[in-house]
C-alpha atoms as a PDB file:
ATOM      1  CA  UNK A   1      -6.919  12.031 -14.020  1.00  0.00           C
ATOM      2  CA  UNK A   2      -6.211  14.770 -13.898  1.00  0.00           C
ATOM      3  CA  UNK A   3      -7.231  18.946 -17.214  1.00  0.00           C
ATOM      4  CA  UNK A   4      -3.638  19.761 -18.116  1.00  0.00           C
ATOM      5  CA  UNK A   5      -2.439  23.246 -18.797  1.00  0.00           C
ATOM      6  CA  UNK A   6       1.134  22.821 -17.563  1.00  0.00           C
ATOM      7  CA  UNK A   7       2.854  21.711 -20.773  1.00  0.00           C
ATOM      8  CA  UNK A   8       3.013  24.873 -22.835  1.00  0.00           C
ATOM      9  CA  UNK A   9       6.577  25.208 -24.024  1.00  0.00           C
ATOM     10  CA  UNK A  10       8.914  26.162 -26.838  1.00  0.00           C
ATOM     11  CA  UNK A  11      12.010  24.306 -27.949  1.00  0.00           C
ATOM     12  CA  UNK A  12      14.477  26.345 -25.916  1.00  0.00           C
ATOM     13  CA  UNK A  13      16.450  24.927 -23.013  1.00  0.00           C
ATOM     14  CA  UNK A  14      15.500  27.997 -20.980  1.00  0.00           C
ATOM     15  CA  UNK A  15      11.796  27.243 -21.236  1.00  0.00           C
ATOM     16  CA  UNK A  16      11.404  23.547 -20.602  1.00  0.00           C
ATOM     17  CA  UNK A  17       7.857  22.355 -19.929  1.00  0.00           C
ATOM     18  CA  UNK A  18       6.865  20.731 -16.705  1.00  0.00           C
ATOM     19  CA  UNK A  19       5.046  17.471 -16.285  1.00  0.00           C
ATOM     20  CA  UNK A  20       1.270  17.996 -16.549  1.00  0.00           C
ATOM     21  CA  UNK A  21      -1.373  17.407 -13.909  1.00  0.00           C
ATOM     22  CA  UNK A  22      -4.699  15.730 -14.225  1.00  0.00           C
ATOM     23  CA  UNK A  23      -7.156  18.329 -13.061  1.00  0.00           C
ATOM     24  CA  UNK A  24      -9.160  20.918 -14.808  1.00  0.00           C
ATOM     25  CA  UNK A  25      -9.957  24.287 -13.274  1.00  0.00           C
ATOM     26  CA  UNK A  26     -12.546  25.441 -15.742  1.00  0.00           C
ATOM     27  CA  UNK A  27     -14.873  28.261 -14.726  1.00  0.00           C
ATOM     28  CA  UNK A  28     -18.562  28.060 -14.306  1.00  0.00           C
ATOM     29  CA  UNK A  29     -21.167  26.757 -11.877  1.00  0.00           C
ATOM     30  CA  UNK A  30     -21.494  23.018 -11.550  1.00  0.00           C
ATOM     31  CA  UNK A  31     -24.604  20.888 -11.195  1.00  0.00           C
ATOM     32  CA  UNK A  32     -26.266  20.913  -7.815  1.00  0.00           C
ATOM     33  CA  UNK A  33     -27.172  18.326  -5.243  1.00  0.00           C
ATOM     34  CA  UNK A  34     -30.394  19.898  -4.044  1.00  0.00           C
ATOM     35  CA  UNK A  35     -33.845  19.095  -5.418  1.00  0.00           C
ATOM     36  CA  UNK A  36     -34.098  20.314  -8.992  1.00  0.00           C
ATOM     37  CA  UNK A  37     -30.630  21.828  -8.872  1.00  0.00           C
ATOM     38  CA  UNK A  38     -28.440  20.847 -11.817  1.00  0.00           C
ATOM     39  CA  UNK A  39     -28.524  17.760 -14.026  1.00  0.00           C
ATOM     40  CA  UNK A  40     -28.745  14.269 -12.651  1.00  0.00           C
ATOM     41  CA  UNK A  41     -31.190  11.605 -11.680  1.00  0.00           C
ATOM     42  CA  UNK A  42     -32.103  11.372  -8.029  1.00  0.00           C
ATOM     43  CA  UNK A  43     -34.198   8.583  -6.569  1.00  0.00           C
ATOM     44  CA  UNK A  44     -37.304   7.934  -8.580  1.00  0.00           C
ATOM     45  CA  UNK A  45     -36.219  10.049 -11.560  1.00  0.00           C
ATOM     46  CA  UNK A  46     -37.078   8.784 -15.036  1.00  0.00           C
ATOM     47  CA  UNK A  47     -34.131   8.121 -17.369  1.00  0.00           C
ATOM     48  CA  UNK A  48     -33.645  11.011 -19.754  1.00  0.00           C
ATOM     49  CA  UNK A  49     -32.532  10.960 -23.365  1.00  0.00           C
ATOM     50  CA  UNK A  50     -28.944   9.751 -23.397  1.00  0.00           C
ATOM     51  CA  UNK A  51     -29.309   7.949 -20.063  1.00  0.00           C
ATOM     52  CA  UNK A  52     -27.279   4.779 -19.622  1.00  0.00           C
ATOM     53  CA  UNK A  53     -30.087   3.195 -17.603  1.00  0.00           C
ATOM     54  CA  UNK A  54     -30.978  -0.152 -19.071  1.00  0.00           C
ATOM     55  CA  UNK A  55     -27.719  -0.578 -20.958  1.00  0.00           C
ATOM     56  CA  UNK A  56     -26.077  -3.988 -20.454  1.00  0.00           C
ATOM     57  CA  UNK A  57     -23.219  -4.453 -18.006  1.00  0.00           C
ATOM     58  CA  UNK A  58     -20.940  -5.233 -20.956  1.00  0.00           C
ATOM     59  CA  UNK A  59     -21.113  -1.569 -21.938  1.00  0.00           C
ATOM     60  CA  UNK A  60     -19.671  -0.513 -18.581  1.00  0.00           C
ATOM     61  CA  UNK A  61     -17.029  -3.221 -18.746  1.00  0.00           C
ATOM     62  CA  UNK A  62     -15.977  -2.018 -22.184  1.00  0.00           C
ATOM     63  CA  UNK A  63     -15.526   1.538 -20.924  1.00  0.00           C
ATOM     64  CA  UNK A  64     -13.668   0.301 -17.843  1.00  0.00           C
ATOM     65  CA  UNK A  65     -11.313  -1.742 -20.028  1.00  0.00           C
ATOM     66  CA  UNK A  66     -10.698   1.292 -22.235  1.00  0.00           C
ATOM     67  CA  UNK A  67      -9.808   3.419 -19.204  1.00  0.00           C
ATOM     68  CA  UNK A  68      -7.446   0.747 -17.888  1.00  0.00           C
ATOM     69  CA  UNK A  69      -5.803   0.336 -21.285  1.00  0.00           C
ATOM     70  CA  UNK A  70      -5.145   4.071 -21.601  1.00  0.00           C
ATOM     71  CA  UNK A  71      -3.821   4.215 -18.037  1.00  0.00           C
ATOM     72  CA  UNK A  72      -1.496   1.305 -18.758  1.00  0.00           C
ATOM     73  CA  UNK A  73      -0.194   3.048 -21.867  1.00  0.00           C
ATOM     74  CA  UNK A  74       0.367   6.291 -19.974  1.00  0.00           C
ATOM     75  CA  UNK A  75       2.184   4.362 -17.242  1.00  0.00           C
ATOM     76  CA  UNK A  76       4.727   3.202 -19.825  1.00  0.00           C
ATOM     77  CA  UNK A  77       5.013   6.748 -21.188  1.00  0.00           C
ATOM     78  CA  UNK A  78       5.644   8.128 -17.688  1.00  0.00           C
ATOM     79  CA  UNK A  79       8.414   5.604 -17.125  1.00  0.00           C
ATOM     80  CA  UNK A  80      10.014   6.579 -20.454  1.00  0.00           C
ATOM     81  CA  UNK A  81       9.748  10.245 -19.486  1.00  0.00           C
ATOM     82  CA  UNK A  82      11.352   9.477 -16.136  1.00  0.00           C
ATOM     83  CA  UNK A  83      14.368   8.078 -17.990  1.00  0.00           C
ATOM     84  CA  UNK A  84      14.438  11.160 -20.243  1.00  0.00           C
ATOM     85  CA  UNK A  85      14.368  13.584 -17.302  1.00  0.00           C
ATOM     86  CA  UNK A  86      17.076  11.686 -15.402  1.00  0.00           C
ATOM     87  CA  UNK A  87      19.257  11.854 -18.500  1.00  0.00           C
ATOM     88  CA  UNK A  88      18.528  15.583 -18.687  1.00  0.00           C
ATOM     89  CA  UNK A  89      19.602  16.076 -15.066  1.00  0.00           C
ATOM     90  CA  UNK A  90      22.922  14.340 -15.649  1.00  0.00           C
ATOM     91  CA  UNK A  91      23.593  16.223 -18.889  1.00  0.00           C
ATOM     92  CA  UNK A  92      22.648  19.660 -17.585  1.00  0.00           C
ATOM     93  CA  UNK A  93      24.618  19.253 -14.352  1.00  0.00           C
ATOM     94  CA  UNK A  94      27.623  18.247 -16.420  1.00  0.00           C
ATOM     95  CA  UNK A  95      27.364  21.368 -18.567  1.00  0.00           C
ATOM     96  CA  UNK A  96      27.007  23.542 -15.458  1.00  0.00           C
ATOM     97  CA  UNK A  97      30.185  22.053 -13.945  1.00  0.00           C
ATOM     98  CA  UNK A  98      32.125  21.954 -17.225  1.00  0.00           C
ATOM     99  CA  UNK A  99      30.770  24.630 -19.605  1.00  0.00           C
ATOM    100  CA  UNK A 100      33.303  23.653 -22.230  1.00  0.00           C
ATOM    101  CA  UNK A 101      31.553  20.293 -22.733  1.00  0.00           C
ATOM    102  CA  UNK A 102      28.302  21.928 -23.867  1.00  0.00           C
ATOM    103  CA  UNK A 103      27.082  20.321 -27.089  1.00  0.00           C
ATOM    104  CA  UNK A 104      24.495  22.057 -29.267  1.00  0.00           C
ATOM    105  CA  UNK A 105      23.376  18.818 -30.897  1.00  0.00           C
ATOM    106  CA  UNK A 106      22.670  17.181 -27.549  1.00  0.00           C
ATOM    107  CA  UNK A 107      20.861  20.314 -26.364  1.00  0.00           C
ATOM    108  CA  UNK A 108      18.605  20.219 -29.434  1.00  0.00           C
ATOM    109  CA  UNK A 109      17.927  16.530 -28.846  1.00  0.00           C
ATOM    110  CA  UNK A 110      16.922  17.227 -25.250  1.00  0.00           C
ATOM    111  CA  UNK A 111      14.656  20.036 -26.366  1.00  0.00           C
ATOM    112  CA  UNK A 112      13.045  17.890 -29.048  1.00  0.00           C
ATOM    113  CA  UNK A 113      12.341  14.940 -26.766  1.00  0.00           C
ATOM    114  CA  UNK A 114      11.095  17.201 -23.984  1.00  0.00           C
ATOM    115  CA  UNK A 115       8.705  18.963 -26.340  1.00  0.00           C
ATOM    116  CA  UNK A 116       7.474  15.622 -27.657  1.00  0.00           C
ATOM    117  CA  UNK A 117       6.918  14.448 -24.071  1.00  0.00           C
ATOM    118  CA  UNK A 118       4.892  17.583 -23.339  1.00  0.00           C
ATOM    119  CA  UNK A 119       2.523  17.069 -26.273  1.00  0.00           C
ATOM    120  CA  UNK A 120       2.255  13.349 -25.549  1.00  0.00           C
ATOM    121  CA  UNK A 121       1.320  14.135 -21.943  1.00  0.00           C
ATOM    122  CA  UNK A 122      -1.330  16.581 -23.089  1.00  0.00           C
ATOM    123  CA  UNK A 123      -2.883  14.078 -25.504  1.00  0.00           C
ATOM    124  CA  UNK A 124      -2.866  11.218 -22.995  1.00  0.00           C
ATOM    125  CA  UNK A 125      -4.256  13.307 -20.152  1.00  0.00           C
ATOM    126  CA  UNK A 126      -7.132  14.464 -22.364  1.00  0.00           C
ATOM    127  CA  UNK A 127      -7.880  10.907 -23.518  1.00  0.00           C
ATOM    128  CA  UNK A 128      -7.706   9.471 -20.012  1.00  0.00           C
ATOM    129  CA  UNK A 129      -9.697  12.361 -18.537  1.00  0.00           C
ATOM    130  CA  UNK A 130     -12.529  12.027 -21.045  1.00  0.00           C
ATOM    131  CA  UNK A 131     -12.690   8.226 -20.828  1.00  0.00           C
ATOM    132  CA  UNK A 132     -12.575   8.219 -17.017  1.00  0.00           C
ATOM    133  CA  UNK A 133     -15.362  10.801 -16.798  1.00  0.00           C
ATOM    134  CA  UNK A 134     -17.475   8.836 -19.297  1.00  0.00           C
ATOM    135  CA  UNK A 135     -16.938   5.682 -17.242  1.00  0.00           C
ATOM    136  CA  UNK A 136     -17.758   7.401 -13.945  1.00  0.00           C
ATOM    137  CA  UNK A 137     -20.842   9.192 -15.293  1.00  0.00           C
ATOM    138  CA  UNK A 138     -22.276   6.197 -17.157  1.00  0.00           C
ATOM    139  CA  UNK A 139     -21.755   3.952 -14.132  1.00  0.00           C
ATOM    140  CA  UNK A 140     -23.302   6.433 -11.697  1.00  0.00           C
ATOM    141  CA  UNK A 141     -26.286   6.982 -14.004  1.00  0.00           C
ATOM    142  CA  UNK A 142     -26.867   3.312 -14.799  1.00  0.00           C
ATOM    143  CA  UNK A 143     -29.687   1.193 -13.445  1.00  0.00           C
ATOM    144  CA  UNK A 144     -27.081  -0.906 -11.613  1.00  0.00           C
ATOM    145  CA  UNK A 145     -26.921   1.784  -8.926  1.00  0.00           C
ATOM    146  CA  UNK A 146     -29.069   1.475  -5.828  1.00  0.00           C
ATOM    147  CA  UNK A 147     -30.390   5.015  -5.987  1.00  0.00           C
ATOM    148  CA  UNK A 148     -31.461   5.484  -2.326  1.00  0.00           C
ATOM    149  CA  UNK A 149     -27.803   4.974  -1.322  1.00  0.00           C
ATOM    150  CA  UNK A 150     -26.475   7.705  -3.641  1.00  0.00           C
ATOM    151  CA  UNK A 151     -25.677  11.112  -2.134  1.00  0.00           C
ATOM    152  CA  UNK A 152     -24.964  13.101  -5.305  1.00  0.00           C
ATOM    153  CA  UNK A 153     -26.543  13.585  -8.695  1.00  0.00           C
ATOM    154  CA  UNK A 154     -24.925  12.005 -11.727  1.00  0.00           C
ATOM    155  CA  UNK A 155     -24.134  15.376 -13.307  1.00  0.00           C
ATOM    156  CA  UNK A 156     -21.440  15.881 -10.702  1.00  0.00           C
ATOM    157  CA  UNK A 157     -19.464  13.016 -12.266  1.00  0.00           C
ATOM    158  CA  UNK A 158     -18.754  15.532 -15.043  1.00  0.00           C
ATOM    159  CA  UNK A 159     -19.099  18.958 -13.454  1.00  0.00           C
ATOM    160  CA  UNK A 160     -17.204  18.026 -10.311  1.00  0.00           C
ATOM    161  CA  UNK A 161     -13.926  18.026 -12.228  1.00  0.00           C
ATOM    162  CA  UNK A 162     -14.291  21.569 -13.538  1.00  0.00           C
ATOM    163  CA  UNK A 163     -15.661  23.662 -10.666  1.00  0.00           C
ATOM    164  CA  UNK A 164     -12.734  25.462  -8.980  1.00  0.00           C
ATOM    165  CA  UNK A 165     -12.051  24.464  -5.355  1.00  0.00           C
ATOM    166  CA  UNK A 166     -14.886  21.918  -5.445  1.00  0.00           C
ATOM    167  CA  UNK A 167     -12.805  19.808  -7.827  1.00  0.00           C
ATOM    168  CA  UNK A 168     -10.428  19.174  -4.930  1.00  0.00           C
ATOM    169  CA  UNK A 169     -12.861  16.662  -3.432  1.00  0.00           C
ATOM    170  CA  UNK A 170     -16.034  16.173  -5.519  1.00  0.00           C
ATOM    171  CA  UNK A 171     -14.561  13.628  -8.010  1.00  0.00           C
ATOM    172  CA  UNK A 172     -13.408  11.549  -5.031  1.00  0.00           C
ATOM    173  CA  UNK A 173     -16.920  11.747  -3.588  1.00  0.00           C
ATOM    174  CA  UNK A 174     -18.384  10.581  -6.905  1.00  0.00           C
ATOM    175  CA  UNK A 175     -16.140   7.510  -7.012  1.00  0.00           C
ATOM    176  CA  UNK A 176     -17.187   6.688  -3.460  1.00  0.00           C
ATOM    177  CA  UNK A 177     -20.814   7.298  -4.452  1.00  0.00           C
ATOM    178  CA  UNK A 178     -20.514   4.661  -7.187  1.00  0.00           C
ATOM    179  CA  UNK A 179     -19.028   2.247  -4.667  1.00  0.00           C
ATOM    180  CA  UNK A 180     -21.924   2.972  -2.318  1.00  0.00           C
ATOM    181  CA  UNK A 181     -24.530   2.625  -5.052  1.00  0.00           C
ATOM    182  CA  UNK A 182     -23.149  -0.737  -6.155  1.00  0.00           C
ATOM    183  CA  UNK A 183     -23.753  -2.326  -2.750  1.00  0.00           C
ATOM    184  CA  UNK A 184     -26.454  -0.145  -1.230  1.00  0.00           C
ATOM    185  CA  UNK A 185     -24.128   0.839   1.629  1.00  0.00           C
ATOM    186  CA  UNK A 186     -20.556   1.969   2.272  1.00  0.00           C
ATOM    187  CA  UNK A 187     -18.173  -0.868   1.299  1.00  0.00           C
ATOM    188  CA  UNK A 188     -16.060  -2.277   4.103  1.00  0.00           C
ATOM    189  CA  UNK A 189     -12.936  -2.280   1.911  1.00  0.00           C
ATOM    190  CA  UNK A 190     -11.406  -0.074  -0.765  1.00  0.00           C
ATOM    191  CA  UNK A 191     -11.771   3.350   0.825  1.00  0.00           C
ATOM    192  CA  UNK A 192      -8.029   3.520   1.606  1.00  0.00           C
ATOM    193  CA  UNK A 193      -7.155   2.669  -2.011  1.00  0.00           C
ATOM    194  CA  UNK A 194      -9.467   5.349  -3.412  1.00  0.00           C
ATOM    195  CA  UNK A 195      -8.244   7.985  -0.953  1.00  0.00           C
ATOM    196  CA  UNK A 196      -4.590   7.172  -1.722  1.00  0.00           C
ATOM    197  CA  UNK A 197      -5.198   7.419  -5.472  1.00  0.00           C
ATOM    198  CA  UNK A 198      -6.855  10.801  -5.058  1.00  0.00           C
ATOM    199  CA  UNK A 199      -4.114  12.063  -2.761  1.00  0.00           C
ATOM    200  CA  UNK A 200      -1.390  11.104  -5.245  1.00  0.00           C
ATOM    201  CA  UNK A 201      -3.337  12.734  -8.078  1.00  0.00           C
ATOM    202  CA  UNK A 202      -3.686  15.972  -6.116  1.00  0.00           C
ATOM    203  CA  UNK A 203      -0.004  15.891  -5.167  1.00  0.00           C
ATOM    204  CA  UNK A 204       0.922  15.621  -8.842  1.00  0.00           C
ATOM    205  CA  UNK A 205      -1.350  18.525  -9.704  1.00  0.00           C
ATOM    206  CA  UNK A 206       0.069  20.877  -7.100  1.00  0.00           C
ATOM    207  CA  UNK A 207       3.688  19.827  -7.667  1.00  0.00           C
ATOM    208  CA  UNK A 208       3.467  20.460 -11.396  1.00  0.00           C
ATOM    209  CA  UNK A 209       2.419  24.042 -10.708  1.00  0.00           C
ATOM    210  CA  UNK A 210       5.105  24.520  -8.081  1.00  0.00           C
ATOM    211  CA  UNK A 211       7.826  23.300 -10.442  1.00  0.00           C
ATOM    212  CA  UNK A 212       7.189  26.289 -12.698  1.00  0.00           C
ATOM    213  CA  UNK A 213       8.843  28.466 -10.057  1.00  0.00           C
ATOM    214  CA  UNK A 214      12.112  26.627 -10.665  1.00  0.00           C
ATOM    215  CA  UNK A 215      12.474  27.941 -14.219  1.00  0.00           C
ATOM    216  CA  UNK A 216      15.612  30.122 -14.541  1.00  0.00           C
ATOM    217  CA  UNK A 217      15.361  33.678 -15.822  1.00  0.00           C
ATOM    218  CA  UNK A 218      15.835  34.146 -19.546  1.00  0.00           C
ATOM    219  CA  UNK A 219      18.834  36.425 -18.953  1.00  0.00           C
ATOM    220  CA  UNK A 220      20.520  34.067 -16.472  1.00  0.00           C
ATOM    221  CA  UNK A 221      24.190  33.314 -16.936  1.00  0.00           C
ATOM    222  CA  UNK A 222      25.057  30.006 -18.620  1.00  0.00           C
ATOM    223  CA  UNK A 223      26.014  28.121 -15.463  1.00  0.00           C
ATOM    224  CA  UNK A 224      22.987  29.438 -13.539  1.00  0.00           C
ATOM    225  CA  UNK A 225      20.701  28.572 -16.448  1.00  0.00           C
ATOM    226  CA  UNK A 226      22.020  24.997 -16.667  1.00  0.00           C
ATOM    227  CA  UNK A 227      21.688  24.528 -12.901  1.00  0.00           C
ATOM    228  CA  UNK A 228      18.163  25.943 -12.981  1.00  0.00           C
ATOM    229  CA  UNK A 229      17.133  23.684 -15.857  1.00  0.00           C
ATOM    230  CA  UNK A 230      18.623  20.712 -14.039  1.00  0.00           C
ATOM    231  CA  UNK A 231      16.457  21.579 -11.030  1.00  0.00           C
ATOM    232  CA  UNK A 232      13.409  21.631 -13.307  1.00  0.00           C
ATOM    233  CA  UNK A 233      14.426  18.240 -14.704  1.00  0.00           C
ATOM    234  CA  UNK A 234      14.668  16.868 -11.158  1.00  0.00           C
ATOM    235  CA  UNK A 235      11.149  18.138 -10.456  1.00  0.00           C
ATOM    236  CA  UNK A 236       9.949  16.621 -13.739  1.00  0.00           C
ATOM    237  CA  UNK A 237      11.492  13.287 -12.723  1.00  0.00           C
ATOM    238  CA  UNK A 238       9.583  13.324  -9.447  1.00  0.00           C
ATOM    239  CA  UNK A 239       6.379  14.248 -11.267  1.00  0.00           C
ATOM    240  CA  UNK A 240       6.841  11.482 -13.829  1.00  0.00           C
ATOM    241  CA  UNK A 241       7.263   8.962 -11.013  1.00  0.00           C
ATOM    242  CA  UNK A 242       4.215  10.400  -9.212  1.00  0.00           C
ATOM    243  CA  UNK A 243       2.095  10.191 -12.353  1.00  0.00           C
ATOM    244  CA  UNK A 244       3.216   6.606 -12.902  1.00  0.00           C
ATOM    245  CA  UNK A 245       2.092   5.757  -9.370  1.00  0.00           C
ATOM    246  CA  UNK A 246      -1.209   7.568  -9.974  1.00  0.00           C
ATOM    247  CA  UNK A 247      -1.766   5.399 -13.075  1.00  0.00           C
ATOM    248  CA  UNK A 248      -1.189   2.198 -11.102  1.00  0.00           C
ATOM    249  CA  UNK A 249      -3.577   3.333  -8.369  1.00  0.00           C
ATOM    250  CA  UNK A 250      -6.208   4.488 -10.882  1.00  0.00           C
ATOM    251  CA  UNK A 251      -6.154   1.074 -12.563  1.00  0.00           C
ATOM    252  CA  UNK A 252      -6.621  -0.526  -9.148  1.00  0.00           C
ATOM    253  CA  UNK A 253      -9.550   1.810  -8.396  1.00  0.00           C
ATOM    254  CA  UNK A 254     -11.320   0.970 -11.673  1.00  0.00           C
ATOM    255  CA  UNK A 255     -10.783  -2.733 -11.035  1.00  0.00           C
ATOM    256  CA  UNK A 256     -12.071  -2.356  -7.478  1.00  0.00           C
ATOM    257  CA  UNK A 257     -15.245  -0.584  -8.587  1.00  0.00           C
ATOM    258  CA  UNK A 258     -15.760  -3.086 -11.421  1.00  0.00           C
ATOM    259  CA  UNK A 259     -15.510  -5.873  -8.861  1.00  0.00           C
ATOM    260  CA  UNK A 260     -18.214  -4.255  -6.758  1.00  0.00           C
ATOM    261  CA  UNK A 261     -20.443  -3.900  -9.806  1.00  0.00           C
ATOM    262  CA  UNK A 262     -20.011  -7.613 -10.498  1.00  0.00           C
ATOM    263  CA  UNK A 263     -21.581  -8.494  -7.142  1.00  0.00           C
ATOM    264  CA  UNK A 264     -25.349  -9.113  -6.886  1.00  0.00           C
ATOM    265  CA  UNK A 265     -27.334  -5.887  -6.871  1.00  0.00           C
ATOM    266  CA  UNK A 266     -28.994  -4.980  -3.551  1.00  0.00           C
ATOM    267  CA  UNK A 267     -32.718  -5.680  -3.213  1.00  0.00           C
ATOM    268  CA  UNK A 268     -34.812  -2.829  -4.590  1.00  0.00           C
END
């Protein structure tokens, strides 16, 4: 949840924004897994200032509920955006086939709603991204984890999202690490759910970048411009549906991990 630089746009029909992705590609070196390499708390480490070790389970549940609430809200937004983009496809195709039916007022309405959707996406992706990372980091760093079963340091729950290339798989590994730490071993169920969620999230990220190539040239003829913008709206519709699915799967993942955390902790 996935980190969203795809929604820059102006209010012109020739520069419609695309649906954002949920991944950041920030520069910089991330925390390390080796001894003494990067932040984190390996087996036997003492909790540092700001550690969530010793905090009650209610704290983690509160964060998990916040993440699920934001995901549920964004799910509704994605469905509304899907309706907007489908309307855009129909309208733009109609103008391409019958240029004489072009209506400036409708075009301005489309631009306004599309711009609003872009800024709403940006705000929601930031809120969900921050809350999900806080939940993942605080859970991984908590004393509920069976530390000998963990394979990565807690700092990767944050840094793993921002290191280029590594962010293609490290956040997934951190979610699986939390699952492993909750039970002291690899859970027998849930791995397919987590992998599917991550695959859908990555698909949304890559597709949002690819849809930029569909933008028509600024000097394109009217019919070509309308057809090109309709193609972008089709891509946006697919992305809105993909993001909605990602929200549903992310809620299921948080619930799954919360269920594992509710089980008795493994013997120390």
